[in-house]
Amino acid sequence: MKILDLLVSNARISKTKIARELNITEAAVRKRILNLENREKILGYKAVINYKNVGLSASLTGVDVEPDKLWKIVEELKKLDSVKSLWLTTGDHTIMAEIIAKSVKELSEIHEKIAGMEGVKRVCPSIITDIVK
């Protein structure tokens, strides 16, 4: 868990620094991280971008689906380059998607495309106006 905490705080932290923090060898850190990746405890590493500052538009979009179409829609969403993250959720929406586009117009077109997928009941976009953390 400590390795995961350190990586969440800074995915670019060196394995040497993790080893020092945990008082273990760098080889042990490499082995443990590889094990976490192989067991899909770590799914990947990515930069957190301030979309507004680089001229992009982004949304966190709720997608409500017919239960029997869930996995078909998940697979369709995974194929869209603009969909950067997907979560299955309880609560207001079945699926939450992080969507990045070159403009608000393009973002709207992507939402319309999703709304047109067979089995999608409702698309609820929340446009990201600022990232504060």
Protein backbone atom coordinates (compact mmCIF):
# COMPACT_ATOMS: atom_id res chain seq x y z
CA MET A 1 0.00 0.00 0.00
CA LYS A 2 2.86 2.39 0.69
CA ILE A 3 4.19 1.89 -2.85
CA LEU A 4 0.72 2.62 -4.23
CA ASP A 5 0.42 5.74 -2.03
CA LEU A 6 3.77 7.03 -3.28
CA LEU A 7 2.90 6.36 -6.93
CA VAL A 8 -0.50 8.03 -6.61
CA SER A 9 1.17 11.11 -5.12
CA ASN A 10 3.82 11.17 -7.85
CA ALA A 11 3.81 8.56 -10.63
CA ARG A 12 7.26 9.81 -11.68
CA ILE A 13 8.90 9.02 -8.34
CA SER A 14 12.06 6.99 -8.83
CA LYS A 15 12.26 3.42 -7.68
CA THR A 16 15.40 4.43 -5.76
CA LYS A 17 13.44 7.01 -3.78
CA ILE A 18 10.65 4.49 -3.07
CA ALA A 19 13.30 2.02 -1.87
CA ARG A 20 14.76 4.65 0.48
CA GLU A 21 11.29 5.54 1.83
CA LEU A 22 10.49 1.88 2.53
CA ASN A 23 13.99 0.85 3.59
CA ILE A 24 14.14 -1.95 1.00
CA THR A 25 16.25 -2.54 -2.12
CA GLU A 26 15.47 -0.99 -5.48
CA ALA A 27 15.26 -4.52 -6.93
CA ALA A 28 12.54 -5.35 -4.40
CA VAL A 29 10.64 -2.20 -5.41
CA ARG A 30 10.90 -3.08 -9.12
CA LYS A 31 9.68 -6.62 -8.39
CA ARG A 32 6.73 -5.40 -6.30
CA ILE A 33 5.67 -2.79 -8.86
CA LEU A 34 5.85 -5.36 -11.67
CA ASN A 35 3.76 -7.72 -9.56
CA LEU A 36 1.16 -4.97 -8.97
CA GLU A 37 1.05 -4.25 -12.71
CA ASN A 38 0.76 -7.94 -13.65
CA ARG A 39 -2.09 -8.42 -11.16
CA GLU A 40 -3.81 -5.30 -12.58
CA LYS A 41 -3.59 -3.45 -9.27
CA ILE A 42 -1.83 -0.70 -11.25
CA LEU A 43 -3.59 -0.11 -14.57
CA GLY A 44 -1.29 2.55 -15.95
CA TYR A 45 0.38 5.90 -15.46
CA LYS A 46 -0.70 9.22 -16.91
CA ALA A 47 -0.13 12.93 -16.69
CA VAL A 48 -2.86 15.13 -15.24
CA ILE A 49 -3.37 17.91 -17.77
CA ASN A 50 -4.96 21.30 -17.16
CA TYR A 51 -7.15 21.08 -20.27
CA LYS A 52 -8.18 24.72 -20.18
CA ASN A 53 -4.55 25.90 -20.17
CA VAL A 54 -3.69 23.84 -23.25
CA GLY A 55 -6.80 24.80 -25.22
CA LEU A 56 -8.79 21.59 -24.84
CA SER A 57 -12.33 20.94 -23.61
CA ALA A 58 -13.18 18.16 -21.18
CA SER A 59 -16.16 16.61 -19.48
CA LEU A 60 -17.05 14.06 -16.87
CA THR A 61 -20.04 12.42 -18.50
CA GLY A 62 -22.59 10.12 -16.95
CA VAL A 63 -24.02 7.49 -19.29
CA ASP A 64 -27.15 5.57 -18.34
CA VAL A 65 -27.62 2.30 -20.21
CA GLU A 66 -30.00 -0.58 -20.56
CA PRO A 67 -28.55 -3.33 -18.31
CA ASP A 68 -28.37 -5.95 -21.06
CA LYS A 69 -26.33 -3.57 -23.27
CA LEU A 70 -23.81 -2.51 -20.60
CA TRP A 71 -20.76 -4.43 -21.83
CA LYS A 72 -21.47 -3.70 -25.49
CA ILE A 73 -21.55 0.03 -24.71
CA VAL A 74 -18.42 -0.20 -22.54
CA GLU A 75 -16.57 -1.78 -25.48
CA GLU A 76 -17.83 0.92 -27.86
CA LEU A 77 -16.75 3.69 -25.47
CA LYS A 78 -13.30 2.11 -25.03
CA LYS A 79 -12.79 2.42 -28.80
CA LEU A 80 -13.32 6.21 -28.78
CA ASP A 81 -9.94 8.00 -28.64
CA SER A 82 -11.54 10.97 -26.88
CA VAL A 83 -12.68 8.79 -23.96
CA LYS A 84 -9.68 8.82 -21.62
CA SER A 85 -11.13 7.02 -18.56
CA LEU A 86 -14.19 4.90 -17.88
CA TRP A 87 -15.73 3.89 -14.56
CA LEU A 88 -18.67 1.64 -13.77
CA THR A 89 -20.54 3.24 -10.90
CA THR A 90 -23.47 3.00 -8.57
CA GLY A 91 -25.58 6.05 -7.91
CA ASP A 92 -26.80 8.49 -10.54
CA HIS A 93 -25.17 6.90 -13.61
CA THR A 94 -24.15 3.42 -14.76
CA ILE A 95 -20.99 4.63 -16.47
CA MET A 96 -18.85 7.72 -15.93
CA ALA A 97 -16.51 8.78 -18.72
CA GLU A 98 -13.74 11.36 -18.85
CA ILE A 99 -13.86 12.82 -22.35
CA ILE A 100 -11.28 15.19 -23.88
CA ALA A 101 -11.85 17.10 -27.12
CA LYS A 102 -10.31 19.92 -29.12
CA SER A 103 -13.32 22.19 -28.63
CA VAL A 104 -16.72 22.44 -26.95
CA LYS A 105 -18.28 21.78 -30.37
CA GLU A 106 -16.32 18.54 -30.76
CA LEU A 107 -17.20 17.58 -27.18
CA SER A 108 -20.88 18.08 -28.02
CA GLU A 109 -20.52 15.90 -31.13
CA ILE A 110 -18.97 13.12 -29.05
CA HIS A 111 -21.84 13.32 -26.55
CA GLU A 112 -24.32 13.08 -29.43
CA LYS A 113 -22.48 10.04 -30.80
CA ILE A 114 -22.68 8.34 -27.41
CA ALA A 115 -26.37 9.23 -27.09
CA GLY A 116 -26.97 7.51 -30.43
CA MET A 117 -25.46 4.18 -29.34
CA GLU A 118 -27.97 1.36 -29.08
CA GLY A 119 -28.82 0.81 -25.42
CA VAL A 120 -27.86 4.30 -24.18
CA LYS A 121 -30.82 5.78 -22.30
CA ARG A 122 -29.32 9.13 -21.28
CA VAL A 123 -26.08 11.10 -21.51
CA CYS A 124 -25.37 13.64 -18.75
CA PRO A 125 -22.25 15.70 -19.45
CA SER A 126 -20.61 17.96 -16.91
CA ILE A 127 -18.14 20.25 -18.66
CA ILE A 128 -14.92 20.76 -16.70
CA THR A 129 -14.30 24.48 -16.26
CA ASP A 130 -11.23 24.31 -14.00
CA ILE A 131 -9.03 21.71 -12.35
CA VAL A 132 -8.24 22.60 -8.75
CA LYS A 133 -6.39 19.47 -7.62
